[in-house]
Amino acid sequence: MKHKIYVQGIRCYAFHGCMEEEARIGGHYVVDVGIDTDFSKAAVSDELSETVDYCAVQRIVEEEMAIRSKLIEHVGQRIFSRIYQELSGIQQLRVEIHKLSPPIDGDTREVSIVIEG
């Protein structure tokens, strides 16, 4: 049996980007996290300790998004690494960061990166 946990739509205001204006003004981001795990024990026991804590995922994302980086690729790797290091029971992990209204030429809704493994 496969089990998946999704923590989606984590909204953050952060200051990532290569341009100086992005460091001063900031922008809106949305982070989605997908976790493959085995929560069979939690499904029976009803105990949080037997599954991945969604609040811990949210906290890690918020803490890493608060640290300025030029590239969302860098932020994504930090989030990915911390979730793997700090939370147990993860078989596969997916981190997706959406940068809304990026300051690029043209009318672009968002750019995003995905890290899976």
PDB file of N, CA and C in Angstrom:
ATOM      1  N   MET A   1       0.846  -1.180   0.000  1.00  0.00           N
ATOM      2  CA  MET A   1       0.000   0.000   0.000  1.00  0.00           C
ATOM      3  C   MET A   1       0.894   1.247   0.000  1.00  0.00           C
ATOM      4  N   LYS A   2       0.520   2.229  -0.793  1.00  0.00           N
ATOM      5  CA  LYS A   2       1.267   3.494  -0.836  1.00  0.00           C
ATOM      6  C   LYS A   2       0.529   4.549  -0.025  1.00  0.00           C
ATOM      7  N   HIS A   3       1.284   5.356   0.679  1.00  0.00           N
ATOM      8  CA  HIS A   3       0.715   6.459   1.445  1.00  0.00           C
ATOM      9  C   HIS A   3       1.429   7.747   1.039  1.00  0.00           C
ATOM     10  N   LYS A   4       0.661   8.793   0.868  1.00  0.00           N
ATOM     11  CA  LYS A   4       1.210  10.093   0.496  1.00  0.00           C
ATOM     12  C   LYS A   4       0.622  11.159   1.405  1.00  0.00           C
ATOM     13  N   ILE A   5       1.449  12.107   1.747  1.00  0.00           N
ATOM     14  CA  ILE A   5       1.021  13.273   2.524  1.00  0.00           C
ATOM     15  C   ILE A   5       1.392  14.500   1.714  1.00  0.00           C
ATOM     16  N   TYR A   6       0.449  15.408   1.567  1.00  0.00           N
ATOM     17  CA  TYR A   6       0.696  16.659   0.851  1.00  0.00           C
ATOM     18  C   TYR A   6       0.456  17.830   1.794  1.00  0.00           C
ATOM     19  N   VAL A   7       1.416  18.723   1.831  1.00  0.00           N
ATOM     20  CA  VAL A   7       1.235  20.009   2.502  1.00  0.00           C
ATOM     21  C   VAL A   7       1.386  21.027   1.382  1.00  0.00           C
ATOM     22  N   GLN A   8       0.263  21.552   0.925  1.00  0.00           N
ATOM     23  CA  GLN A   8       0.261  22.372  -0.283  1.00  0.00           C
ATOM     24  C   GLN A   8      -0.214  23.793  -0.010  1.00  0.00           C
ATOM     25  N   GLY A   9       0.308  24.686  -0.802  1.00  0.00           N
ATOM     26  CA  GLY A   9      -0.140  26.070  -0.735  1.00  0.00           C
ATOM     27  C   GLY A   9       0.396  26.817   0.466  1.00  0.00           C
ATOM     28  N   ILE A  10       1.624  26.497   0.884  1.00  0.00           N
ATOM     29  CA  ILE A  10       2.253  27.239   1.988  1.00  0.00           C
ATOM     30  C   ILE A  10       2.643  28.600   1.432  1.00  0.00           C
ATOM     31  N   ARG A  11       1.920  29.617   1.856  1.00  0.00           N
ATOM     32  CA  ARG A  11       2.141  30.967   1.327  1.00  0.00           C
ATOM     33  C   ARG A  11       3.195  31.705   2.158  1.00  0.00           C
ATOM     34  N   CYS A  12       4.143  32.298   1.452  1.00  0.00           N
ATOM     35  CA  CYS A  12       5.230  33.020   2.108  1.00  0.00           C
ATOM     36  C   CYS A  12       5.488  34.332   1.374  1.00  0.00           C
ATOM     37  N   TYR A  13       5.883  35.329   2.133  1.00  0.00           N
ATOM     38  CA  TYR A  13       6.411  36.556   1.544  1.00  0.00           C
ATOM     39  C   TYR A  13       7.898  36.531   1.845  1.00  0.00           C
ATOM     40  N   ALA A  14       8.728  36.567   0.801  1.00  0.00           N
ATOM     41  CA  ALA A  14      10.164  36.414   0.996  1.00  0.00           C
ATOM     42  C   ALA A  14      10.929  37.341   0.066  1.00  0.00           C
ATOM     43  N   PHE A  15      12.242  37.351   0.225  1.00  0.00           N
ATOM     44  CA  PHE A  15      13.093  38.327  -0.446  1.00  0.00           C
ATOM     45  C   PHE A  15      14.153  37.650  -1.320  1.00  0.00           C
ATOM     46  N   HIS A  16      13.746  36.651  -2.076  1.00  0.00           N
ATOM     47  CA  HIS A  16      14.666  35.924  -2.944  1.00  0.00           C
ATOM     48  C   HIS A  16      14.734  36.581  -4.318  1.00  0.00           C
ATOM     49  N   GLY A  17      15.885  36.464  -4.945  1.00  0.00           N
ATOM     50  CA  GLY A  17      16.046  36.978  -6.295  1.00  0.00           C
ATOM     51  C   GLY A  17      17.420  37.570  -6.504  1.00  0.00           C
ATOM     52  N   CYS A  18      17.802  37.657  -7.758  1.00  0.00           N
ATOM     53  CA  CYS A  18      19.119  38.184  -8.108  1.00  0.00           C
ATOM     54  C   CYS A  18      19.154  39.710  -8.171  1.00  0.00           C
ATOM     55  N   MET A  19      17.992  40.330  -8.306  1.00  0.00           N
ATOM     56  CA  MET A  19      17.947  41.787  -8.433  1.00  0.00           C
ATOM     57  C   MET A  19      17.860  42.451  -7.057  1.00  0.00           C
ATOM     58  N   GLU A  20      18.507  43.602  -6.922  1.00  0.00           N
ATOM     59  CA  GLU A  20      18.495  44.332  -5.649  1.00  0.00           C
ATOM     60  C   GLU A  20      17.085  44.695  -5.210  1.00  0.00           C
ATOM     61  N   GLU A  21      16.218  44.991  -6.166  1.00  0.00           N
ATOM     62  CA  GLU A  21      14.837  45.350  -5.840  1.00  0.00           C
ATOM     63  C   GLU A  21      14.127  44.198  -5.128  1.00  0.00           C
ATOM     64  N   GLU A  22      14.426  42.979  -5.531  1.00  0.00           N
ATOM     65  CA  GLU A  22      13.799  41.818  -4.904  1.00  0.00           C
ATOM     66  C   GLU A  22      14.240  41.682  -3.448  1.00  0.00           C
ATOM     67  N   ALA A  23      15.473  42.057  -3.164  1.00  0.00           N
ATOM     68  CA  ALA A  23      15.972  42.004  -1.791  1.00  0.00           C
ATOM     69  C   ALA A  23      15.288  43.058  -0.917  1.00  0.00           C
ATOM     70  N   ARG A  24      14.927  44.182  -1.505  1.00  0.00           N
ATOM     71  CA  ARG A  24      14.291  45.264  -0.746  1.00  0.00           C
ATOM     72  C   ARG A  24      12.775  45.110  -0.680  1.00  0.00           C
ATOM     73  N   ILE A  25      12.157  44.788  -1.805  1.00  0.00           N
ATOM     74  CA  ILE A  25      10.698  44.779  -1.905  1.00  0.00           C
ATOM     75  C   ILE A  25      10.111  43.413  -1.553  1.00  0.00           C
ATOM     76  N   GLY A  26      10.772  42.340  -1.976  1.00  0.00           N
ATOM     77  CA  GLY A  26      10.263  40.996  -1.733  1.00  0.00           C
ATOM     78  C   GLY A  26       9.167  40.611  -2.698  1.00  0.00           C
ATOM     79  N   GLY A  27       8.613  39.431  -2.476  1.00  0.00           N
ATOM     80  CA  GLY A  27       7.558  38.945  -3.344  1.00  0.00           C
ATOM     81  C   GLY A  27       6.824  37.764  -2.730  1.00  0.00           C
ATOM     82  N   HIS A  28       5.785  37.349  -3.407  1.00  0.00           N
ATOM     83  CA  HIS A  28       4.938  36.254  -2.938  1.00  0.00           C
ATOM     84  C   HIS A  28       5.410  34.924  -3.510  1.00  0.00           C
ATOM     85  N   TYR A  29       5.382  33.904  -2.655  1.00  0.00           N
ATOM     86  CA  TYR A  29       5.785  32.551  -3.025  1.00  0.00           C
ATOM     87  C   TYR A  29       4.762  31.562  -2.483  1.00  0.00           C
ATOM     88  N   VAL A  30       4.665  30.424  -3.161  1.00  0.00           N
ATOM     89  CA  VAL A  30       3.845  29.318  -2.680  1.00  0.00           C
ATOM     90  C   VAL A  30       4.710  28.064  -2.746  1.00  0.00           C
ATOM     91  N   VAL A  31       4.703  27.305  -1.652  1.00  0.00           N
ATOM     92  CA  VAL A  31       5.504  26.089  -1.581  1.00  0.00           C
ATOM     93  C   VAL A  31       4.569  24.894  -1.390  1.00  0.00           C
ATOM     94  N   ASP A  32       4.810  23.846  -2.174  1.00  0.00           N
ATOM     95  CA  ASP A  32       4.073  22.585  -2.057  1.00  0.00           C
ATOM     96  C   ASP A  32       5.063  21.483  -1.697  1.00  0.00           C
ATOM     97  N   VAL A  33       4.676  20.657  -0.727  1.00  0.00           N
ATOM     98  CA  VAL A  33       5.521  19.541  -0.312  1.00  0.00           C
ATOM     99  C   VAL A  33       4.707  18.256  -0.429  1.00  0.00           C
ATOM    100  N   GLY A  34       5.279  17.259  -1.066  1.00  0.00           N
ATOM    101  CA  GLY A  34       4.666  15.935  -1.173  1.00  0.00           C
ATOM    102  C   GLY A  34       5.586  14.900  -0.567  1.00  0.00           C
ATOM    103  N   ILE A  35       5.034  14.029   0.265  1.00  0.00           N
ATOM    104  CA  ILE A  35       5.833  13.042   0.974  1.00  0.00           C
ATOM    105  C   ILE A  35       5.231  11.654   0.768  1.00  0.00           C
ATOM    106  N   ASP A  36       6.062  10.727   0.323  1.00  0.00           N
ATOM    107  CA  ASP A  36       5.688   9.314   0.305  1.00  0.00           C
ATOM    108  C   ASP A  36       6.194   8.725   1.614  1.00  0.00           C
ATOM    109  N   THR A  37       5.314   8.050   2.324  1.00  0.00           N
ATOM    110  CA  THR A  37       5.658   7.494   3.628  1.00  0.00           C
ATOM    111  C   THR A  37       4.779   6.282   3.884  1.00  0.00           C
ATOM    112  N   ASP A  38       4.946   5.681   5.017  1.00  0.00           N
ATOM    113  CA  ASP A  38       4.080   4.591   5.445  1.00  0.00           C
ATOM    114  C   ASP A  38       3.408   5.030   6.736  1.00  0.00           C
ATOM    115  N   PHE A  39       2.139   5.405   6.631  1.00  0.00           N
ATOM    116  CA  PHE A  39       1.426   5.805   7.849  1.00  0.00           C
ATOM    117  C   PHE A  39       0.412   4.764   8.310  1.00  0.00           C
ATOM    118  N   SER A  40       0.719   3.503   8.023  1.00  0.00           N
ATOM    119  CA  SER A  40      -0.159   2.405   8.447  1.00  0.00           C
ATOM    120  C   SER A  40      -0.373   2.399   9.954  1.00  0.00           C
ATOM    121  N   LYS A  41       0.695   2.573  10.714  1.00  0.00           N
ATOM    122  CA  LYS A  41       0.588   2.564  12.181  1.00  0.00           C
ATOM    123  C   LYS A  41      -0.282   3.714  12.668  1.00  0.00           C
ATOM    124  N   ALA A  42      -0.091   4.901  12.095  1.00  0.00           N
ATOM    125  CA  ALA A  42      -0.878   6.070  12.504  1.00  0.00           C
ATOM    126  C   ALA A  42      -2.349   5.885  12.163  1.00  0.00           C
ATOM    127  N   ALA A  43      -2.620   5.229  11.046  1.00  0.00           N
ATOM    128  CA  ALA A  43      -4.003   5.001  10.631  1.00  0.00           C
ATOM    129  C   ALA A  43      -4.739   4.115  11.638  1.00  0.00           C
ATOM    130  N   VAL A  44      -4.000   3.243  12.325  1.00  0.00           N
ATOM    131  CA  VAL A  44      -4.592   2.360  13.330  1.00  0.00           C
ATOM    132  C   VAL A  44      -4.562   2.995  14.717  1.00  0.00           C
ATOM    133  N   SER A  45      -3.389   3.575  15.071  1.00  0.00           N
ATOM    134  CA  SER A  45      -3.198   4.080  16.447  1.00  0.00           C
ATOM    135  C   SER A  45      -3.775   5.460  16.698  1.00  0.00           C
ATOM    136  N   ASP A  46      -3.948   6.251  15.633  1.00  0.00           N
ATOM    137  CA  ASP A  46      -4.397   7.638  15.760  1.00  0.00           C
ATOM    138  C   ASP A  46      -3.392   8.502  16.532  1.00  0.00           C
ATOM    139  N   GLU A  47      -2.104   8.155  16.401  1.00  0.00           N
ATOM    140  CA  GLU A  47      -1.031   8.869  17.105  1.00  0.00           C
ATOM    141  C   GLU A  47      -0.162   9.641  16.113  1.00  0.00           C
ATOM    142  N   LEU A  48       0.032  10.911  16.394  1.00  0.00           N
ATOM    143  CA  LEU A  48       0.852  11.774  15.544  1.00  0.00           C
ATOM    144  C   LEU A  48       2.283  11.257  15.427  1.00  0.00           C
ATOM    145  N   SER A  49       2.800  10.669  16.480  1.00  0.00           N
ATOM    146  CA  SER A  49       4.184  10.186  16.471  1.00  0.00           C
ATOM    147  C   SER A  49       4.413   9.072  15.452  1.00  0.00           C
ATOM    148  N   GLU A  50       3.353   8.512  14.899  1.00  0.00           N
ATOM    149  CA  GLU A  50       3.452   7.417  13.940  1.00  0.00           C
ATOM    150  C   GLU A  50       3.386   7.880  12.485  1.00  0.00           C
ATOM    151  N   THR A  51       3.403   9.212  12.263  1.00  0.00           N
ATOM    152  CA  THR A  51       3.325   9.741  10.906  1.00  0.00           C
ATOM    153  C   THR A  51       4.180  11.000  10.801  1.00  0.00           C
ATOM    154  N   VAL A  52       4.145  11.642   9.670  1.00  0.00           N
ATOM    155  CA  VAL A  52       4.878  12.887   9.449  1.00  0.00           C
ATOM    156  C   VAL A  52       4.029  14.048   9.957  1.00  0.00           C
ATOM    157  N   ASP A  53       4.613  14.885  10.781  1.00  0.00           N
ATOM    158  CA  ASP A  53       3.921  16.027  11.385  1.00  0.00           C
ATOM    159  C   ASP A  53       3.841  17.174  10.369  1.00  0.00           C
ATOM    160  N   TYR A  54       2.619  17.499   9.942  1.00  0.00           N
ATOM    161  CA  TYR A  54       2.424  18.577   8.957  1.00  0.00           C
ATOM    162  C   TYR A  54       2.944  19.914   9.479  1.00  0.00           C
ATOM    163  N   CYS A  55       2.786  20.135  10.781  1.00  0.00           N
ATOM    164  CA  CYS A  55       3.244  21.404  11.375  1.00  0.00           C
ATOM    165  C   CYS A  55       4.758  21.543  11.263  1.00  0.00           C
ATOM    166  N   ALA A  56       5.481  20.433  11.401  1.00  0.00           N
ATOM    167  CA  ALA A  56       6.940  20.467  11.269  1.00  0.00           C
ATOM    168  C   ALA A  56       7.332  20.804   9.833  1.00  0.00           C
ATOM    169  N   VAL A  57       6.606  20.259   8.861  1.00  0.00           N
ATOM    170  CA  VAL A  57       6.862  20.584   7.451  1.00  0.00           C
ATOM    171  C   VAL A  57       6.661  22.079   7.226  1.00  0.00           C
ATOM    172  N   GLN A  58       5.547  22.612   7.699  1.00  0.00           N
ATOM    173  CA  GLN A  58       5.225  24.038   7.566  1.00  0.00           C
ATOM    174  C   GLN A  58       6.322  24.900   8.199  1.00  0.00           C
ATOM    175  N   ARG A  59       6.755  24.522   9.404  1.00  0.00           N
ATOM    176  CA  ARG A  59       7.779  25.289  10.128  1.00  0.00           C
ATOM    177  C   ARG A  59       9.087  25.323   9.343  1.00  0.00           C
ATOM    178  N   ILE A  60       9.518  24.170   8.844  1.00  0.00           N
ATOM    179  CA  ILE A  60      10.771  24.103   8.082  1.00  0.00           C
ATOM    180  C   ILE A  60      10.687  24.991   6.844  1.00  0.00           C
ATOM    181  N   VAL A  61       9.582  24.907   6.121  1.00  0.00           N
ATOM    182  CA  VAL A  61       9.411  25.737   4.922  1.00  0.00           C
ATOM    183  C   VAL A  61       9.477  27.213   5.286  1.00  0.00           C
ATOM    184  N   GLU A  62       8.747  27.623   6.305  1.00  0.00           N
ATOM    185  CA  GLU A  62       8.734  29.041   6.697  1.00  0.00           C
ATOM    186  C   GLU A  62      10.118  29.517   7.133  1.00  0.00           C
ATOM    187  N   GLU A  63      10.830  28.704   7.896  1.00  0.00           N
ATOM    188  CA  GLU A  63      12.164  29.103   8.357  1.00  0.00           C
ATOM    189  C   GLU A  63      13.136  29.257   7.198  1.00  0.00           C
ATOM    190  N   GLU A  64      13.119  28.324   6.263  1.00  0.00           N
ATOM    191  CA  GLU A  64      14.050  28.391   5.137  1.00  0.00           C
ATOM    192  C   GLU A  64      13.670  29.499   4.148  1.00  0.00           C
ATOM    193  N   MET A  65      12.376  29.718   3.960  1.00  0.00           N
ATOM    194  CA  MET A  65      11.949  30.805   3.071  1.00  0.00           C
ATOM    195  C   MET A  65      12.326  32.176   3.646  1.00  0.00           C
ATOM    196  N   ALA A  66      12.504  32.265   4.944  1.00  0.00           N
ATOM    197  CA  ALA A  66      12.865  33.535   5.581  1.00  0.00           C
ATOM    198  C   ALA A  66      14.344  33.876   5.399  1.00  0.00           C
ATOM    199  N   ILE A  67      15.152  32.927   4.950  1.00  0.00           N
ATOM    200  CA  ILE A  67      16.582  33.159   4.713  1.00  0.00           C
ATOM    201  C   ILE A  67      16.764  33.536   3.248  1.00  0.00           C
ATOM    202  N   ARG A  68      17.223  34.750   3.016  1.00  0.00           N
ATOM    203  CA  ARG A  68      17.351  35.254   1.650  1.00  0.00           C
ATOM    204  C   ARG A  68      18.340  34.444   0.828  1.00  0.00           C
ATOM    205  N   SER A  69      17.945  34.174  -0.398  1.00  0.00           N
ATOM    206  CA  SER A  69      18.809  33.538  -1.395  1.00  0.00           C
ATOM    207  C   SER A  69      18.576  34.232  -2.733  1.00  0.00           C
ATOM    208  N   LYS A  70      19.567  34.183  -3.588  1.00  0.00           N
ATOM    209  CA  LYS A  70      19.388  34.724  -4.931  1.00  0.00           C
ATOM    210  C   LYS A  70      18.500  33.808  -5.763  1.00  0.00           C
ATOM    211  N   LEU A  71      18.613  32.497  -5.545  1.00  0.00           N
ATOM    212  CA  LEU A  71      17.914  31.527  -6.383  1.00  0.00           C
ATOM    213  C   LEU A  71      16.932  30.687  -5.570  1.00  0.00           C
ATOM    214  N   ILE A  72      15.734  30.476  -6.132  1.00  0.00           N
ATOM    215  CA  ILE A  72      14.786  29.596  -5.450  1.00  0.00           C
ATOM    216  C   ILE A  72      15.265  28.141  -5.516  1.00  0.00           C
ATOM    217  N   GLU A  73      16.154  27.843  -6.442  1.00  0.00           N
ATOM    218  CA  GLU A  73      16.756  26.522  -6.492  1.00  0.00           C
ATOM    219  C   GLU A  73      17.512  26.236  -5.192  1.00  0.00           C
ATOM    220  N   HIS A  74      18.197  27.252  -4.690  1.00  0.00           N
ATOM    221  CA  HIS A  74      18.973  27.135  -3.448  1.00  0.00           C
ATOM    222  C   HIS A  74      18.044  26.958  -2.254  1.00  0.00           C
ATOM    223  N   VAL A  75      17.002  27.751  -2.209  1.00  0.00           N
ATOM    224  CA  VAL A  75      16.024  27.643  -1.112  1.00  0.00           C
ATOM    225  C   VAL A  75      15.364  26.263  -1.141  1.00  0.00           C
ATOM    226  N   GLY A  76      14.995  25.810  -2.318  1.00  0.00           N
ATOM    227  CA  GLY A  76      14.357  24.507  -2.455  1.00  0.00           C
ATOM    228  C   GLY A  76      15.245  23.384  -1.945  1.00  0.00           C
ATOM    229  N   GLN A  77      16.534  23.457  -2.245  1.00  0.00           N
ATOM    230  CA  GLN A  77      17.455  22.421  -1.783  1.00  0.00           C
ATOM    231  C   GLN A  77      17.580  22.440  -0.270  1.00  0.00           C
ATOM    232  N   ARG A  78      17.592  23.630   0.325  1.00  0.00           N
ATOM    233  CA  ARG A  78      17.660  23.714   1.793  1.00  0.00           C
ATOM    234  C   ARG A  78      16.415  23.101   2.431  1.00  0.00           C
ATOM    235  N   ILE A  79      15.239  23.428   1.882  1.00  0.00           N
ATOM    236  CA  ILE A  79      13.991  22.867   2.411  1.00  0.00           C
ATOM    237  C   ILE A  79      14.017  21.343   2.276  1.00  0.00           C
ATOM    238  N   PHE A  80      14.373  20.856   1.115  1.00  0.00           N
ATOM    239  CA  PHE A  80      14.430  19.423   0.836  1.00  0.00           C
ATOM    240  C   PHE A  80      15.361  18.717   1.830  1.00  0.00           C
ATOM    241  N   SER A  81      16.555  19.249   1.997  1.00  0.00           N
ATOM    242  CA  SER A  81      17.547  18.633   2.884  1.00  0.00           C
ATOM    243  C   SER A  81      17.077  18.609   4.328  1.00  0.00           C
ATOM    244  N   ARG A  82      16.518  19.711   4.802  1.00  0.00           N
ATOM    245  CA  ARG A  82      16.067  19.771   6.199  1.00  0.00           C
ATOM    246  C   ARG A  82      14.912  18.824   6.472  1.00  0.00           C
ATOM    247  N   ILE A  83      13.967  18.737   5.550  1.00  0.00           N
ATOM    248  CA  ILE A  83      12.838  17.825   5.766  1.00  0.00           C
ATOM    249  C   ILE A  83      13.362  16.392   5.867  1.00  0.00           C
ATOM    250  N   TYR A  84      14.254  16.003   4.972  1.00  0.00           N
ATOM    251  CA  TYR A  84      14.826  14.654   5.018  1.00  0.00           C
ATOM    252  C   TYR A  84      15.606  14.418   6.318  1.00  0.00           C
ATOM    253  N   GLN A  85      16.366  15.421   6.759  1.00  0.00           N
ATOM    254  CA  GLN A  85      17.202  15.267   7.951  1.00  0.00           C
ATOM    255  C   GLN A  85      16.390  15.255   9.246  1.00  0.00           C
ATOM    256  N   GLU A  86      15.360  16.084   9.317  1.00  0.00           N
ATOM    257  CA  GLU A  86      14.669  16.291  10.588  1.00  0.00           C
ATOM    258  C   GLU A  86      13.428  15.432  10.793  1.00  0.00           C
ATOM    259  N   LEU A  87      12.840  14.931   9.723  1.00  0.00           N
ATOM    260  CA  LEU A  87      11.608  14.149   9.853  1.00  0.00           C
ATOM    261  C   LEU A  87      11.876  12.705   9.466  1.00  0.00           C
ATOM    262  N   SER A  88      11.303  11.790  10.204  1.00  0.00           N
ATOM    263  CA  SER A  88      11.557  10.372   9.937  1.00  0.00           C
ATOM    264  C   SER A  88      10.415   9.757   9.135  1.00  0.00           C
ATOM    265  N   GLY A  89      10.719   8.638   8.521  1.00  0.00           N
ATOM    266  CA  GLY A  89       9.710   7.886   7.793  1.00  0.00           C
ATOM    267  C   GLY A  89       9.473   8.330   6.369  1.00  0.00           C
ATOM    268  N   ILE A  90      10.329   9.193   5.842  1.00  0.00           N
ATOM    269  CA  ILE A  90      10.136   9.695   4.481  1.00  0.00           C
ATOM    270  C   ILE A  90      10.791   8.745   3.487  1.00  0.00           C
ATOM    271  N   GLN A  91       9.998   8.251   2.555  1.00  0.00           N
ATOM    272  CA  GLN A  91      10.509   7.355   1.520  1.00  0.00           C
ATOM    273  C   GLN A  91      10.855   8.135   0.249  1.00  0.00           C
ATOM    274  N   GLN A  92      10.039   9.084  -0.111  1.00  0.00           N
ATOM    275  CA  GLN A  92      10.262   9.972  -1.259  1.00  0.00           C
ATOM    276  C   GLN A  92       9.778  11.359  -0.856  1.00  0.00           C
ATOM    277  N   LEU A  93      10.389  12.364  -1.449  1.00  0.00           N
ATOM    278  CA  LEU A  93      10.041  13.745  -1.109  1.00  0.00           C
ATOM    279  C   LEU A  93      10.007  14.581  -2.375  1.00  0.00           C
ATOM    280  N   ARG A  94       9.064  15.496  -2.420  1.00  0.00           N
ATOM    281  CA  ARG A  94       8.943  16.448  -3.528  1.00  0.00           C
ATOM    282  C   ARG A  94       8.720  17.837  -2.930  1.00  0.00           C
ATOM    283  N   VAL A  95       9.557  18.784  -3.328  1.00  0.00           N
ATOM    284  CA  VAL A  95       9.423  20.178  -2.912  1.00  0.00           C
ATOM    285  C   VAL A  95       9.284  21.018  -4.171  1.00  0.00           C
ATOM    286  N   GLU A  96       8.231  21.821  -4.214  1.00  0.00           N
ATOM    287  CA  GLU A  96       7.994  22.706  -5.356  1.00  0.00           C
ATOM    288  C   GLU A  96       7.817  24.120  -4.835  1.00  0.00           C
ATOM    289  N   ILE A  97       8.571  25.052  -5.407  1.00  0.00           N
ATOM    290  CA  ILE A  97       8.463  26.464  -5.031  1.00  0.00           C
ATOM    291  C   ILE A  97       7.972  27.243  -6.233  1.00  0.00           C
ATOM    292  N   HIS A  98       6.915  28.012  -6.021  1.00  0.00           N
ATOM    293  CA  HIS A  98       6.345  28.882  -7.056  1.00  0.00           C
ATOM    294  C   HIS A  98       6.659  30.336  -6.681  1.00  0.00           C
ATOM    295  N   LYS A  99       7.300  31.034  -7.577  1.00  0.00           N
ATOM    296  CA  LYS A  99       7.557  32.462  -7.404  1.00  0.00           C
ATOM    297  C   LYS A  99       6.508  33.189  -8.230  1.00  0.00           C
ATOM    298  N   LEU A 100       5.602  33.871  -7.546  1.00  0.00           N
ATOM    299  CA  LEU A 100       4.482  34.516  -8.215  1.00  0.00           C
ATOM    300  C   LEU A 100       4.889  35.876  -8.777  1.00  0.00           C
ATOM    301  N   SER A 101       4.380  36.201  -9.935  1.00  0.00           N
ATOM    302  CA  SER A 101       4.656  37.483 -10.608  1.00  0.00           C
ATOM    303  C   SER A 101       6.142  37.819 -10.627  1.00  0.00           C
ATOM    304  N   PRO A 102       6.964  36.962 -11.204  1.00  0.00           N
ATOM    305  CA  PRO A 102       8.402  37.222 -11.220  1.00  0.00           C
ATOM    306  C   PRO A 102       8.728  38.459 -12.060  1.00  0.00           C
ATOM    307  N   PRO A 103       9.757  39.187 -11.651  1.00  0.00           N
ATOM    308  CA  PRO A 103      10.120  40.407 -12.388  1.00  0.00           C
ATOM    309  C   PRO A 103      10.943  40.078 -13.636  1.00  0.00           C
ATOM    310  N   ILE A 104      10.282  39.494 -14.625  1.00  0.00           N
ATOM    311  CA  ILE A 104      10.947  39.189 -15.889  1.00  0.00           C
ATOM    312  C   ILE A 104      10.165  39.865 -17.004  1.00  0.00           C
ATOM    313  N   ASP A 105      10.797  40.007 -18.156  1.00  0.00           N
ATOM    314  CA  ASP A 105      10.111  40.633 -19.287  1.00  0.00           C
ATOM    315  C   ASP A 105       8.917  39.780 -19.700  1.00  0.00           C
ATOM    316  N   GLY A 106       7.795  40.417 -19.884  1.00  0.00           N
ATOM    317  CA  GLY A 106       6.595  39.707 -20.308  1.00  0.00           C
ATOM    318  C   GLY A 106       5.634  39.494 -19.152  1.00  0.00           C
ATOM    319  N   ASP A 107       4.458  39.045 -19.496  1.00  0.00           N
ATOM    320  CA  ASP A 107       3.398  38.814 -18.520  1.00  0.00           C
ATOM    321  C   ASP A 107       3.433  37.344 -18.109  1.00  0.00           C
ATOM    322  N   THR A 108       4.111  37.045 -17.005  1.00  0.00           N
ATOM    323  CA  THR A 108       4.295  35.680 -16.538  1.00  0.00           C
ATOM    324  C   THR A 108       3.683  35.543 -15.147  1.00  0.00           C
ATOM    325  N   ARG A 109       2.772  34.590 -15.006  1.00  0.00           N
ATOM    326  CA  ARG A 109       2.091  34.381 -13.721  1.00  0.00           C
ATOM    327  C   ARG A 109       3.049  33.906 -12.645  1.00  0.00           C
ATOM    328  N   GLU A 110       3.918  32.949 -12.998  1.00  0.00           N
ATOM    329  CA  GLU A 110       4.842  32.401 -12.008  1.00  0.00           C
ATOM    330  C   GLU A 110       5.960  31.631 -12.687  1.00  0.00           C
ATOM    331  N   VAL A 111       7.033  31.422 -11.940  1.00  0.00           N
ATOM    332  CA  VAL A 111       8.071  30.474 -12.304  1.00  0.00           C
ATOM    333  C   VAL A 111       8.166  29.504 -11.126  1.00  0.00           C
ATOM    334  N   SER A 112       8.605  28.284 -11.393  1.00  0.00           N
ATOM    335  CA  SER A 112       8.689  27.330 -10.293  1.00  0.00           C
ATOM    336  C   SER A 112       9.819  26.351 -10.500  1.00  0.00           C
ATOM    337  N   ILE A 113      10.246  25.753  -9.391  1.00  0.00           N
ATOM    338  CA  ILE A 113      11.250  24.695  -9.425  1.00  0.00           C
ATOM    339  C   ILE A 113      10.685  23.499  -8.668  1.00  0.00           C
ATOM    340  N   VAL A 114      11.184  22.311  -9.025  1.00  0.00           N
ATOM    341  CA  VAL A 114      10.779  21.088  -8.344  1.00  0.00           C
ATOM    342  C   VAL A 114      12.037  20.283  -8.035  1.00  0.00           C
ATOM    343  N   ILE A 115      12.093  19.790  -6.812  1.00  0.00           N
ATOM    344  CA  ILE A 115      13.157  18.874  -6.407  1.00  0.00           C
ATOM    345  C   ILE A 115      12.480  17.602  -5.906  1.00  0.00           C
ATOM    346  N   GLU A 116      12.868  16.472  -6.467  1.00  0.00           N
ATOM    347  CA  GLU A 116      12.287  15.188  -6.084  1.00  0.00           C
ATOM    348  C   GLU A 116      13.384  14.184  -5.787  1.00  0.00           C
ATOM    349  N   GLY A 117      13.118  13.338  -4.859  1.00  0.00           N
ATOM    350  CA  GLY A 117      14.084  12.275  -4.599  1.00  0.00           C
ATOM    351  C   GLY A 117      13.683  11.446  -3.412  1.00  0.00           C
TER     352      GLY A 117
END
